[in-house]
């Protein structure tokens, strides 16, 4: 699924380049606001744990989708500071041999420091490094874990980012953004720790943005 989204992101960025508008140079003090559709794609086999002395099971966190946004302040034409936010993402959690056993919601606000390679022109690629905080909430158990209490601890981790803004009209642009985030959360069932869930997702966003 992630590979399909990545290809779609690349196609959207290239297509946007065919409809670029007037040159809009980035300047110190500019604000860039973007909003669009975002997907989170966790790595597989997020946690393997002992059910009992003879049995081991693996938890898998499924993909999640939501509406996302970010706000960037341009310190100078090349350096930007961005805050990423979103409407809550929902993830199903499955277990080998048991299907869906839980679900959770999460919010992953992330702060990036970006370098914009081409502040002039109509195409503006950038890279960023930053810090992610992920808040997990509304955990619910189902199926084989029905009736049990599941708790996922909040997570702090590093993040990296690649993106591109493509001008389509004065002060308006389309955006494609890909991030990798270090998200690992300690899981407890009925108050007993069962291990660390390594989500470590790719995050992909397709957005429309404005500059002021």
N, C-alpha and C. Protein backbone atom coordinates (compact mmCIF):
# COMPACT_ATOMS: atom_id res chain seq x y z
N UNK A 1 0.83 -1.20 0.00
CA UNK A 1 0.00 0.00 0.00
C UNK A 1 0.86 1.25 0.00
N UNK A 2 1.94 1.23 0.84
CA UNK A 2 2.79 2.42 0.90
C UNK A 2 3.40 2.73 -0.46
N UNK A 3 3.84 1.69 -1.19
CA UNK A 3 4.47 1.93 -2.49
C UNK A 3 3.49 2.58 -3.46
N UNK A 4 2.21 2.20 -3.39
CA UNK A 4 1.20 2.81 -4.25
C UNK A 4 1.01 4.28 -3.92
N UNK A 5 0.97 4.58 -2.62
CA UNK A 5 0.81 5.97 -2.20
C UNK A 5 2.02 6.79 -2.61
N UNK A 6 3.23 6.20 -2.48
CA UNK A 6 4.44 6.91 -2.86
C UNK A 6 4.43 7.24 -4.35
N UNK A 7 4.01 6.27 -5.18
CA UNK A 7 3.94 6.51 -6.61
C UNK A 7 2.91 7.60 -6.92
N UNK A 8 1.77 7.55 -6.23
CA UNK A 8 0.73 8.57 -6.44
C UNK A 8 1.24 9.95 -6.06
N UNK A 9 2.03 10.01 -4.98
CA UNK A 9 2.60 11.28 -4.55
C UNK A 9 3.54 11.84 -5.60
N UNK A 10 4.39 10.98 -6.16
CA UNK A 10 5.33 11.41 -7.19
C UNK A 10 4.59 11.88 -8.44
N UNK A 11 3.54 11.15 -8.84
CA UNK A 11 2.76 11.54 -10.02
C UNK A 11 2.09 12.88 -9.79
N UNK A 12 1.52 13.07 -8.58
CA UNK A 12 0.84 14.34 -8.27
C UNK A 12 1.82 15.50 -8.32
N UNK A 13 3.03 15.29 -7.79
CA UNK A 13 4.03 16.35 -7.81
C UNK A 13 4.45 16.69 -9.23
N UNK A 14 4.67 15.67 -10.05
CA UNK A 14 5.07 15.91 -11.44
C UNK A 14 3.95 16.57 -12.23
N UNK A 15 2.72 16.12 -11.99
CA UNK A 15 1.59 16.73 -12.69
C UNK A 15 1.44 18.19 -12.30
N UNK A 16 1.66 18.49 -11.00
CA UNK A 16 1.57 19.87 -10.56
C UNK A 16 2.58 20.75 -11.26
N UNK A 17 3.73 20.18 -11.59
CA UNK A 17 4.76 20.94 -12.27
C UNK A 17 4.35 21.40 -13.65
N UNK A 18 3.36 20.74 -14.26
CA UNK A 18 2.89 21.13 -15.58
C UNK A 18 2.00 22.36 -15.53
N UNK A 19 1.55 22.71 -14.32
CA UNK A 19 0.60 23.82 -14.20
C UNK A 19 1.12 24.90 -13.25
N UNK A 20 2.43 25.05 -13.23
CA UNK A 20 3.01 26.03 -12.32
C UNK A 20 2.59 27.44 -12.66
N UNK A 21 2.42 28.24 -11.63
CA UNK A 21 1.95 29.61 -11.83
C UNK A 21 3.10 30.59 -11.82
N UNK A 22 2.81 31.83 -11.43
CA UNK A 22 3.83 32.88 -11.41
C UNK A 22 4.88 32.58 -10.34
N UNK A 23 6.09 33.07 -10.57
CA UNK A 23 7.18 32.87 -9.63
C UNK A 23 6.82 33.50 -8.29
N UNK A 24 6.95 32.74 -7.20
CA UNK A 24 6.65 33.23 -5.86
C UNK A 24 7.84 32.92 -4.96
N UNK A 25 8.76 33.83 -4.83
CA UNK A 25 9.96 33.61 -4.03
C UNK A 25 9.62 33.60 -2.54
N UNK A 26 10.22 32.68 -1.80
CA UNK A 26 10.08 32.68 -0.36
C UNK A 26 10.93 33.80 0.24
N UNK A 27 10.40 34.44 1.27
CA UNK A 27 11.10 35.53 1.93
C UNK A 27 11.01 35.35 3.44
N UNK A 28 11.94 35.94 4.15
CA UNK A 28 11.91 35.92 5.61
C UNK A 28 10.59 36.51 6.10
N UNK A 29 9.96 35.82 7.04
CA UNK A 29 8.70 36.29 7.59
C UNK A 29 7.47 35.70 6.92
N UNK A 30 7.63 34.98 5.79
CA UNK A 30 6.51 34.31 5.14
C UNK A 30 5.94 33.21 6.04
N UNK A 31 4.63 33.04 5.96
CA UNK A 31 3.95 31.89 6.58
C UNK A 31 3.41 31.01 5.46
N UNK A 32 3.61 29.71 5.55
CA UNK A 32 3.08 28.74 4.60
C UNK A 32 2.12 27.83 5.35
N UNK A 33 0.91 27.71 4.85
CA UNK A 33 -0.10 26.87 5.48
C UNK A 33 -0.56 25.83 4.46
N UNK A 34 -0.50 24.56 4.84
CA UNK A 34 -0.89 23.47 3.95
C UNK A 34 -1.92 22.59 4.64
N UNK A 35 -2.83 22.02 3.86
CA UNK A 35 -3.82 21.08 4.40
C UNK A 35 -4.19 20.08 3.32
N UNK A 36 -4.45 18.84 3.74
CA UNK A 36 -4.80 17.83 2.76
C UNK A 36 -5.04 16.48 3.38
N UNK A 37 -4.86 15.43 2.59
CA UNK A 37 -5.09 14.05 3.00
C UNK A 37 -3.76 13.41 3.35
N UNK A 38 -3.72 12.71 4.51
CA UNK A 38 -2.49 12.11 5.00
C UNK A 38 -2.70 10.64 5.30
N UNK A 39 -1.66 9.84 5.07
CA UNK A 39 -1.67 8.43 5.42
C UNK A 39 -0.47 8.08 6.28
N UNK A 40 -0.67 7.20 7.26
CA UNK A 40 0.42 6.70 8.10
C UNK A 40 0.56 5.21 7.85
N UNK A 41 1.79 4.77 7.53
CA UNK A 41 2.05 3.39 7.11
C UNK A 41 3.11 2.77 8.03
N UNK A 42 2.67 2.07 9.09
CA UNK A 42 3.61 1.48 10.04
C UNK A 42 4.40 0.33 9.41
N UNK A 43 5.57 0.05 10.01
CA UNK A 43 6.31 -1.15 9.62
C UNK A 43 5.52 -2.37 10.07
N UNK A 44 5.85 -3.55 9.54
CA UNK A 44 5.11 -4.77 9.88
C UNK A 44 5.70 -5.43 11.12
N UNK A 45 4.95 -6.41 11.66
CA UNK A 45 5.38 -7.17 12.84
C UNK A 45 5.85 -6.23 13.95
N UNK A 46 4.91 -5.46 14.46
CA UNK A 46 5.27 -4.37 15.38
C UNK A 46 5.67 -4.84 16.77
N UNK A 47 5.17 -6.00 17.19
CA UNK A 47 5.54 -6.52 18.51
C UNK A 47 5.31 -8.03 18.55
N UNK A 48 6.33 -8.77 18.91
CA UNK A 48 6.20 -10.20 19.16
C UNK A 48 6.38 -10.44 20.66
N UNK A 49 5.43 -11.14 21.27
CA UNK A 49 5.45 -11.30 22.71
C UNK A 49 5.01 -12.71 23.09
N UNK A 50 5.27 -13.07 24.33
CA UNK A 50 4.89 -14.40 24.85
C UNK A 50 3.47 -14.37 25.38
N UNK A 51 2.61 -15.19 24.79
CA UNK A 51 1.26 -15.36 25.33
C UNK A 51 1.32 -16.22 26.58
N UNK A 52 2.11 -17.28 26.50
CA UNK A 52 2.42 -18.14 27.63
C UNK A 52 3.79 -18.78 27.37
N UNK A 53 4.15 -19.76 28.14
CA UNK A 53 5.49 -20.34 27.99
C UNK A 53 5.68 -21.05 26.65
N UNK A 54 4.61 -21.45 26.02
CA UNK A 54 4.72 -22.21 24.79
C UNK A 54 4.32 -21.45 23.54
N UNK A 55 3.65 -20.34 23.72
CA UNK A 55 3.07 -19.65 22.58
C UNK A 55 3.56 -18.21 22.48
N UNK A 56 3.96 -17.82 21.29
CA UNK A 56 4.32 -16.43 21.00
C UNK A 56 3.36 -15.89 19.95
N UNK A 57 3.05 -14.61 20.03
CA UNK A 57 2.14 -13.98 19.08
C UNK A 57 2.74 -12.66 18.60
N UNK A 58 2.30 -12.21 17.44
CA UNK A 58 2.78 -10.96 16.86
C UNK A 58 1.63 -10.00 16.66
N UNK A 59 1.82 -8.77 17.09
CA UNK A 59 0.84 -7.71 16.86
C UNK A 59 1.24 -6.91 15.63
N UNK A 60 0.25 -6.56 14.81
CA UNK A 60 0.46 -5.71 13.64
C UNK A 60 -0.46 -4.50 13.72
N UNK A 61 0.11 -3.31 13.56
CA UNK A 61 -0.66 -2.07 13.55
C UNK A 61 -0.94 -1.70 12.10
N UNK A 62 -2.23 -1.57 11.75
CA UNK A 62 -2.61 -1.30 10.37
C UNK A 62 -2.41 0.17 10.00
N UNK A 63 -2.50 0.45 8.69
CA UNK A 63 -2.39 1.81 8.18
C UNK A 63 -3.52 2.69 8.73
N UNK A 64 -3.27 3.99 8.77
CA UNK A 64 -4.28 4.94 9.20
C UNK A 64 -4.33 6.14 8.28
N UNK A 65 -5.51 6.76 8.14
CA UNK A 65 -5.70 7.89 7.23
C UNK A 65 -6.47 8.99 7.94
N UNK A 66 -6.17 10.24 7.58
CA UNK A 66 -6.86 11.36 8.20
C UNK A 66 -6.60 12.63 7.40
N UNK A 67 -7.22 13.71 7.85
CA UNK A 67 -6.94 15.04 7.31
C UNK A 67 -5.81 15.64 8.13
N UNK A 68 -4.81 16.21 7.44
CA UNK A 68 -3.67 16.78 8.12
C UNK A 68 -3.40 18.20 7.68
N UNK A 69 -2.56 18.89 8.44
CA UNK A 69 -2.19 20.26 8.09
C UNK A 69 -0.80 20.55 8.66
N UNK A 70 -0.14 21.54 8.12
CA UNK A 70 1.09 22.02 8.73
C UNK A 70 1.22 23.52 8.50
N UNK A 71 1.99 24.15 9.36
CA UNK A 71 2.23 25.59 9.31
C UNK A 71 3.74 25.82 9.37
N UNK A 72 4.27 26.55 8.40
CA UNK A 72 5.71 26.81 8.34
C UNK A 72 5.97 28.30 8.42
N UNK A 73 6.92 28.67 9.26
CA UNK A 73 7.39 30.05 9.33
C UNK A 73 8.78 30.10 8.72
N UNK A 74 8.98 30.99 7.72
CA UNK A 74 10.27 31.12 7.05
C UNK A 74 11.16 32.10 7.82
N UNK A 75 12.19 31.58 8.47
CA UNK A 75 13.14 32.40 9.20
C UNK A 75 13.94 33.27 8.24
N UNK A 76 14.32 32.67 7.11
CA UNK A 76 14.94 33.38 5.99
C UNK A 76 14.54 32.62 4.73
N UNK A 77 14.95 33.01 3.54
CA UNK A 77 14.48 32.34 2.32
C UNK A 77 14.76 30.84 2.26
N UNK A 78 15.74 30.36 3.03
CA UNK A 78 16.10 28.94 2.97
C UNK A 78 15.67 28.12 4.19
N UNK A 79 15.50 28.76 5.34
CA UNK A 79 15.25 28.03 6.57
C UNK A 79 13.81 28.25 7.03
N UNK A 80 13.11 27.14 7.26
CA UNK A 80 11.74 27.21 7.76
C UNK A 80 11.58 26.37 9.01
N UNK A 81 10.63 26.74 9.86
CA UNK A 81 10.26 25.97 11.04
C UNK A 81 8.80 25.56 10.87
N UNK A 82 8.55 24.25 10.90
CA UNK A 82 7.20 23.74 10.59
C UNK A 82 6.62 22.95 11.75
N UNK A 83 5.34 23.14 12.00
CA UNK A 83 4.59 22.33 12.95
C UNK A 83 3.56 21.53 12.18
N UNK A 84 3.62 20.20 12.33
CA UNK A 84 2.69 19.28 11.66
C UNK A 84 1.62 18.86 12.64
N UNK A 85 0.36 18.92 12.21
CA UNK A 85 -0.76 18.46 13.02
C UNK A 85 -1.75 17.71 12.17
N UNK A 86 -2.79 17.15 12.79
CA UNK A 86 -3.77 16.36 12.04
C UNK A 86 -5.01 16.12 12.89
N UNK A 87 -6.08 15.74 12.21
CA UNK A 87 -7.24 15.15 12.88
C UNK A 87 -6.79 13.76 13.33
N UNK A 88 -7.33 13.19 14.42
CA UNK A 88 -6.83 11.91 14.91
C UNK A 88 -6.83 10.80 13.86
N UNK A 89 -5.77 10.00 13.88
CA UNK A 89 -5.68 8.80 13.05
C UNK A 89 -6.19 7.60 13.85
N UNK A 90 -6.89 6.70 13.17
CA UNK A 90 -7.38 5.48 13.81
C UNK A 90 -6.64 4.29 13.21
N UNK A 91 -6.16 3.38 14.06
CA UNK A 91 -5.45 2.19 13.62
C UNK A 91 -6.09 0.94 14.21
N UNK A 92 -6.33 -0.06 13.36
CA UNK A 92 -6.70 -1.39 13.85
C UNK A 92 -5.44 -2.14 14.23
N UNK A 93 -5.54 -3.00 15.23
CA UNK A 93 -4.42 -3.82 15.68
C UNK A 93 -4.83 -5.28 15.58
N UNK A 94 -4.07 -6.05 14.83
CA UNK A 94 -4.38 -7.47 14.65
C UNK A 94 -3.31 -8.34 15.29
N UNK A 95 -3.68 -9.61 15.57
CA UNK A 95 -2.76 -10.55 16.19
C UNK A 95 -2.76 -11.84 15.39
N UNK A 96 -1.58 -12.43 15.22
CA UNK A 96 -1.48 -13.65 14.44
C UNK A 96 -2.42 -14.72 14.98
N UNK A 97 -3.22 -15.28 14.05
CA UNK A 97 -4.14 -16.34 14.41
C UNK A 97 -5.42 -15.89 15.05
N UNK A 98 -5.56 -14.57 15.32
CA UNK A 98 -6.75 -14.10 16.02
C UNK A 98 -7.45 -12.95 15.31
N UNK A 99 -6.86 -12.41 14.25
CA UNK A 99 -7.47 -11.29 13.55
C UNK A 99 -7.40 -10.02 14.36
N UNK A 100 -8.40 -9.14 14.17
CA UNK A 100 -8.42 -7.86 14.86
C UNK A 100 -8.69 -8.06 16.34
N UNK A 101 -7.80 -7.50 17.17
CA UNK A 101 -7.96 -7.65 18.62
C UNK A 101 -8.06 -6.31 19.34
N UNK A 102 -7.78 -5.21 18.64
CA UNK A 102 -7.84 -3.90 19.31
C UNK A 102 -7.84 -2.79 18.27
N UNK A 103 -8.08 -1.59 18.74
CA UNK A 103 -7.95 -0.40 17.91
C UNK A 103 -7.51 0.75 18.80
N UNK A 104 -6.89 1.74 18.18
CA UNK A 104 -6.46 2.91 18.93
C UNK A 104 -6.53 4.13 18.05
N UNK A 105 -6.55 5.28 18.67
CA UNK A 105 -6.43 6.55 17.96
C UNK A 105 -5.15 7.22 18.42
N UNK A 106 -4.60 8.07 17.55
CA UNK A 106 -3.37 8.77 17.92
C UNK A 106 -3.25 10.10 17.19
N UNK A 107 -2.54 10.99 17.83
CA UNK A 107 -2.19 12.29 17.23
C UNK A 107 -0.67 12.42 17.26
N UNK A 108 -0.04 12.75 16.10
CA UNK A 108 1.42 12.80 16.04
C UNK A 108 2.00 14.18 15.74
N UNK A 109 1.74 15.21 16.57
CA UNK A 109 2.33 16.52 16.27
C UNK A 109 3.85 16.43 16.17
N UNK A 110 4.40 17.09 15.16
CA UNK A 110 5.84 17.00 14.89
C UNK A 110 6.37 18.38 14.54
N UNK A 111 7.51 18.73 15.12
CA UNK A 111 8.17 20.01 14.83
C UNK A 111 9.40 19.75 13.98
N UNK A 112 9.48 20.41 12.81
CA UNK A 112 10.59 20.25 11.89
C UNK A 112 11.36 21.55 11.72
N UNK A 113 12.65 21.44 11.52
CA UNK A 113 13.48 22.52 10.99
C UNK A 113 13.82 22.13 9.56
N UNK A 114 13.49 23.00 8.60
CA UNK A 114 13.60 22.66 7.18
C UNK A 114 14.67 23.50 6.47
N UNK A 115 15.23 22.90 5.42
CA UNK A 115 16.06 23.65 4.49
C UNK A 115 15.38 23.62 3.12
N UNK A 116 15.08 24.80 2.58
CA UNK A 116 14.44 24.95 1.28
C UNK A 116 15.51 25.27 0.23
N UNK A 117 15.67 24.35 -0.74
CA UNK A 117 16.78 24.45 -1.69
C UNK A 117 16.60 25.56 -2.72
N UNK A 118 15.34 25.82 -3.14
CA UNK A 118 15.09 26.75 -4.24
C UNK A 118 14.01 27.75 -3.82
N UNK A 119 14.36 28.74 -2.99
CA UNK A 119 13.35 29.69 -2.52
C UNK A 119 12.76 30.55 -3.63
N UNK A 120 13.48 30.70 -4.74
CA UNK A 120 12.95 31.42 -5.90
C UNK A 120 12.44 30.41 -6.93
N UNK A 121 11.68 30.89 -7.91
CA UNK A 121 11.14 29.99 -8.92
C UNK A 121 9.75 29.53 -8.58
N UNK A 122 9.32 28.47 -9.24
CA UNK A 122 7.96 27.95 -9.02
C UNK A 122 7.94 26.58 -8.35
N UNK A 123 9.09 25.93 -8.23
CA UNK A 123 9.19 24.63 -7.59
C UNK A 123 10.14 24.75 -6.40
N UNK A 124 9.70 24.31 -5.21
CA UNK A 124 10.43 24.54 -3.98
C UNK A 124 10.61 23.23 -3.20
N UNK A 125 11.64 22.45 -3.49
CA UNK A 125 11.90 21.24 -2.70
C UNK A 125 12.52 21.59 -1.35
N UNK A 126 12.32 20.71 -0.38
CA UNK A 126 12.89 20.95 0.95
C UNK A 126 13.13 19.62 1.68
N UNK A 127 13.99 19.69 2.68
CA UNK A 127 14.21 18.56 3.59
C UNK A 127 14.06 19.10 5.01
N UNK A 128 13.76 18.19 5.94
CA UNK A 128 13.60 18.63 7.31
C UNK A 128 14.00 17.55 8.30
N UNK A 129 14.41 17.96 9.47
CA UNK A 129 14.64 17.04 10.59
C UNK A 129 13.89 17.61 11.78
N UNK A 130 13.41 16.69 12.65
CA UNK A 130 12.62 17.22 13.74
C UNK A 130 12.35 16.22 14.84
N UNK A 131 11.39 16.58 15.69
CA UNK A 131 11.01 15.80 16.86
C UNK A 131 9.52 15.52 16.82
N UNK A 132 9.19 14.24 16.99
CA UNK A 132 7.79 13.80 16.98
C UNK A 132 7.33 13.44 18.39
N UNK A 133 6.08 13.83 18.70
CA UNK A 133 5.41 13.39 19.92
C UNK A 133 4.11 12.74 19.49
N UNK A 134 3.88 11.51 19.90
CA UNK A 134 2.65 10.82 19.54
C UNK A 134 1.84 10.49 20.78
N UNK A 135 0.61 10.94 20.80
CA UNK A 135 -0.31 10.69 21.90
C UNK A 135 -1.32 9.62 21.48
N UNK A 136 -1.33 8.48 22.19
CA UNK A 136 -2.27 7.40 21.93
C UNK A 136 -3.44 7.52 22.90
N UNK A 137 -4.64 7.29 22.39
CA UNK A 137 -5.82 7.37 23.25
C UNK A 137 -6.96 6.54 22.65
N UNK A 138 -8.02 6.38 23.41
CA UNK A 138 -9.22 5.62 22.99
C UNK A 138 -8.87 4.19 22.56
N UNK A 139 -7.96 3.54 23.32
CA UNK A 139 -7.67 2.14 23.04
C UNK A 139 -8.88 1.27 23.38
N UNK A 140 -9.21 0.36 22.50
CA UNK A 140 -10.34 -0.56 22.71
C UNK A 140 -9.91 -1.96 22.31
N UNK A 141 -10.33 -2.95 23.08
CA UNK A 141 -9.99 -4.33 22.77
C UNK A 141 -11.21 -5.04 22.18
N UNK A 142 -10.91 -6.02 21.30
CA UNK A 142 -11.97 -6.76 20.61
C UNK A 142 -11.52 -8.21 20.45
N UNK A 143 -12.43 -9.04 19.99
CA UNK A 143 -12.07 -10.42 19.64
C UNK A 143 -11.40 -11.15 20.78
N UNK A 144 -10.19 -11.69 20.51
CA UNK A 144 -9.47 -12.50 21.50
C UNK A 144 -9.10 -11.71 22.74
N UNK A 145 -9.01 -10.39 22.64
CA UNK A 145 -8.67 -9.55 23.80
C UNK A 145 -9.89 -8.83 24.38
N UNK A 146 -11.06 -9.18 23.91
CA UNK A 146 -12.28 -8.51 24.38
C UNK A 146 -12.38 -8.59 25.90
N UNK A 147 -12.64 -7.46 26.52
CA UNK A 147 -12.75 -7.40 27.98
C UNK A 147 -11.47 -7.05 28.68
N UNK A 148 -10.34 -7.16 27.97
CA UNK A 148 -9.05 -6.80 28.56
C UNK A 148 -8.83 -5.29 28.44
N UNK A 149 -7.93 -4.76 29.26
CA UNK A 149 -7.59 -3.34 29.22
C UNK A 149 -6.27 -3.18 28.49
N UNK A 150 -6.26 -2.36 27.43
CA UNK A 150 -5.04 -2.09 26.66
C UNK A 150 -4.63 -0.64 26.86
N UNK A 151 -3.35 -0.44 27.15
CA UNK A 151 -2.80 0.91 27.30
C UNK A 151 -1.54 1.04 26.48
N UNK A 152 -1.49 2.08 25.61
CA UNK A 152 -0.30 2.39 24.83
C UNK A 152 0.26 3.72 25.33
N UNK A 153 1.51 3.69 25.76
CA UNK A 153 2.14 4.89 26.30
C UNK A 153 2.49 5.87 25.18
N UNK A 154 2.49 7.17 25.52
CA UNK A 154 2.88 8.19 24.54
C UNK A 154 4.35 8.01 24.15
N UNK A 155 4.70 8.56 22.98
CA UNK A 155 6.02 8.32 22.40
C UNK A 155 6.69 9.62 21.98
N UNK A 156 8.02 9.69 22.19
CA UNK A 156 8.86 10.76 21.65
C UNK A 156 9.89 10.13 20.71
N UNK A 157 10.18 10.78 19.58
CA UNK A 157 11.17 10.23 18.68
C UNK A 157 11.57 11.22 17.60
N UNK A 158 12.66 10.89 16.91
CA UNK A 158 13.16 11.73 15.83
C UNK A 158 12.32 11.53 14.57
N UNK A 159 12.41 12.50 13.66
CA UNK A 159 11.66 12.44 12.40
C UNK A 159 12.48 13.08 11.28
N UNK A 160 12.33 12.57 10.07
CA UNK A 160 12.96 13.15 8.89
C UNK A 160 11.92 13.39 7.82
N UNK A 161 12.18 14.34 6.92
CA UNK A 161 11.14 14.80 6.00
C UNK A 161 11.73 15.18 4.65
N UNK A 162 10.98 14.84 3.59
CA UNK A 162 11.24 15.31 2.23
C UNK A 162 9.94 15.87 1.68
N UNK A 163 10.02 17.01 0.99
CA UNK A 163 8.79 17.57 0.45
C UNK A 163 9.05 18.50 -0.71
N UNK A 164 7.96 18.89 -1.36
CA UNK A 164 8.06 19.82 -2.48
C UNK A 164 6.79 20.65 -2.57
N UNK A 165 6.95 21.96 -2.74
CA UNK A 165 5.85 22.88 -3.02
C UNK A 165 5.94 23.28 -4.49
N UNK A 166 4.80 23.28 -5.18
CA UNK A 166 4.77 23.66 -6.59
C UNK A 166 3.71 24.75 -6.77
N UNK A 167 4.15 25.96 -7.16
CA UNK A 167 3.24 27.08 -7.32
C UNK A 167 2.26 26.84 -8.47
N UNK A 168 0.98 27.13 -8.22
CA UNK A 168 -0.04 26.98 -9.26
C UNK A 168 -0.78 28.28 -9.52
N UNK A 169 -0.65 29.26 -8.62
CA UNK A 169 -1.29 30.57 -8.77
C UNK A 169 -0.61 31.49 -7.76
N UNK A 170 -0.76 32.81 -7.92
CA UNK A 170 -0.15 33.71 -6.95
C UNK A 170 -0.55 33.35 -5.51
N UNK A 171 0.45 33.04 -4.69
CA UNK A 171 0.28 32.70 -3.28
C UNK A 171 -0.43 31.38 -3.02
N UNK A 172 -0.58 30.53 -4.05
CA UNK A 172 -1.19 29.21 -3.88
C UNK A 172 -0.29 28.16 -4.49
N UNK A 173 -0.23 26.99 -3.87
CA UNK A 173 0.63 25.92 -4.36
C UNK A 173 0.07 24.56 -3.96
N UNK A 174 0.54 23.52 -4.64
CA UNK A 174 0.26 22.15 -4.22
C UNK A 174 1.51 21.59 -3.57
N UNK A 175 1.33 20.59 -2.73
CA UNK A 175 2.45 20.07 -1.94
C UNK A 175 2.37 18.55 -1.83
N UNK A 176 3.54 17.93 -1.90
CA UNK A 176 3.69 16.51 -1.58
C UNK A 176 4.74 16.39 -0.49
N UNK A 177 4.46 15.59 0.54
CA UNK A 177 5.33 15.53 1.72
C UNK A 177 5.45 14.07 2.18
N UNK A 178 6.69 13.61 2.41
CA UNK A 178 6.95 12.26 2.91
C UNK A 178 7.85 12.37 4.13
N UNK A 179 7.42 11.75 5.23
CA UNK A 179 8.21 11.78 6.47
C UNK A 179 8.40 10.36 6.99
N UNK A 180 9.50 10.17 7.72
CA UNK A 180 9.71 8.94 8.48
C UNK A 180 9.80 9.32 9.95
N UNK A 181 9.04 8.62 10.79
CA UNK A 181 8.98 8.97 12.21
C UNK A 181 9.32 7.78 13.08
N UNK A 182 10.13 8.03 14.10
CA UNK A 182 10.45 7.01 15.09
C UNK A 182 9.38 7.03 16.17
N UNK A 183 8.42 6.10 16.06
CA UNK A 183 7.31 6.01 17.02
C UNK A 183 7.34 4.61 17.63
N UNK A 184 7.67 4.54 18.93
CA UNK A 184 7.69 3.29 19.66
C UNK A 184 6.96 3.49 20.98
N UNK A 185 6.00 2.60 21.27
CA UNK A 185 5.17 2.77 22.45
C UNK A 185 5.17 1.51 23.29
N UNK A 186 5.28 1.65 24.60
CA UNK A 186 5.18 0.51 25.50
C UNK A 186 3.72 0.14 25.68
N UNK A 187 3.42 -1.17 25.54
CA UNK A 187 2.05 -1.66 25.61
C UNK A 187 1.83 -2.43 26.91
N UNK A 188 0.66 -2.20 27.50
CA UNK A 188 0.26 -2.94 28.70
C UNK A 188 -1.13 -3.54 28.48
N UNK A 189 -1.29 -4.79 28.87
CA UNK A 189 -2.59 -5.45 28.85
C UNK A 189 -2.93 -5.81 30.29
N UNK A 190 -4.07 -5.27 30.76
CA UNK A 190 -4.48 -5.44 32.16
C UNK A 190 -3.38 -5.01 33.12
N UNK A 191 -2.69 -3.92 32.74
CA UNK A 191 -1.67 -3.35 33.60
C UNK A 191 -0.32 -4.03 33.56
N UNK A 192 -0.19 -5.09 32.75
CA UNK A 192 1.06 -5.83 32.67
C UNK A 192 1.75 -5.51 31.34
N UNK A 193 3.01 -5.09 31.38
CA UNK A 193 3.73 -4.77 30.17
C UNK A 193 3.98 -6.01 29.32
N UNK A 194 3.72 -5.89 28.02
CA UNK A 194 3.97 -7.02 27.11
C UNK A 194 5.09 -6.70 26.12
N UNK A 195 5.63 -5.46 26.15
CA UNK A 195 6.73 -5.12 25.26
C UNK A 195 6.54 -3.77 24.60
N UNK A 196 7.44 -3.47 23.68
CA UNK A 196 7.43 -2.20 22.96
C UNK A 196 6.90 -2.39 21.55
N UNK A 197 5.85 -1.66 21.21
CA UNK A 197 5.27 -1.71 19.87
C UNK A 197 6.05 -0.73 18.99
N UNK A 198 6.78 -1.27 18.01
CA UNK A 198 7.60 -0.44 17.12
C UNK A 198 6.79 -0.13 15.87
N UNK A 199 6.23 1.08 15.82
CA UNK A 199 5.38 1.49 14.70
C UNK A 199 6.23 2.08 13.58
N UNK A 200 7.09 3.03 13.90
CA UNK A 200 8.08 3.60 12.98
C UNK A 200 7.54 3.76 11.56
N UNK A 201 6.55 4.63 11.37
CA UNK A 201 5.85 4.69 10.09
C UNK A 201 6.47 5.66 9.08
N UNK A 202 6.13 5.43 7.81
CA UNK A 202 6.23 6.44 6.77
C UNK A 202 4.92 7.22 6.79
N UNK A 203 5.01 8.53 6.66
CA UNK A 203 3.84 9.41 6.67
C UNK A 203 3.83 10.19 5.36
N UNK A 204 2.73 10.08 4.62
CA UNK A 204 2.63 10.71 3.29
C UNK A 204 1.46 11.67 3.28
N UNK A 205 1.68 12.89 2.78
CA UNK A 205 0.62 13.88 2.67
C UNK A 205 0.56 14.51 1.30
N UNK A 206 -0.64 14.71 0.79
CA UNK A 206 -0.90 15.46 -0.43
C UNK A 206 -1.75 16.65 -0.06
N UNK A 207 -1.25 17.87 -0.32
CA UNK A 207 -1.86 19.07 0.26
C UNK A 207 -2.05 20.19 -0.76
N UNK A 208 -2.91 21.11 -0.38
CA UNK A 208 -3.01 22.41 -1.05
C UNK A 208 -2.55 23.44 -0.02
N UNK A 209 -1.75 24.43 -0.47
CA UNK A 209 -1.21 25.40 0.46
C UNK A 209 -1.34 26.83 -0.01
N UNK A 210 -1.21 27.73 0.96
CA UNK A 210 -1.22 29.16 0.65
C UNK A 210 -0.07 29.84 1.40
N UNK A 211 0.37 30.97 0.87
CA UNK A 211 1.50 31.72 1.40
C UNK A 211 1.04 33.14 1.73
N UNK A 212 1.45 33.65 2.88
CA UNK A 212 1.13 35.05 3.21
C UNK A 212 2.20 35.65 4.09
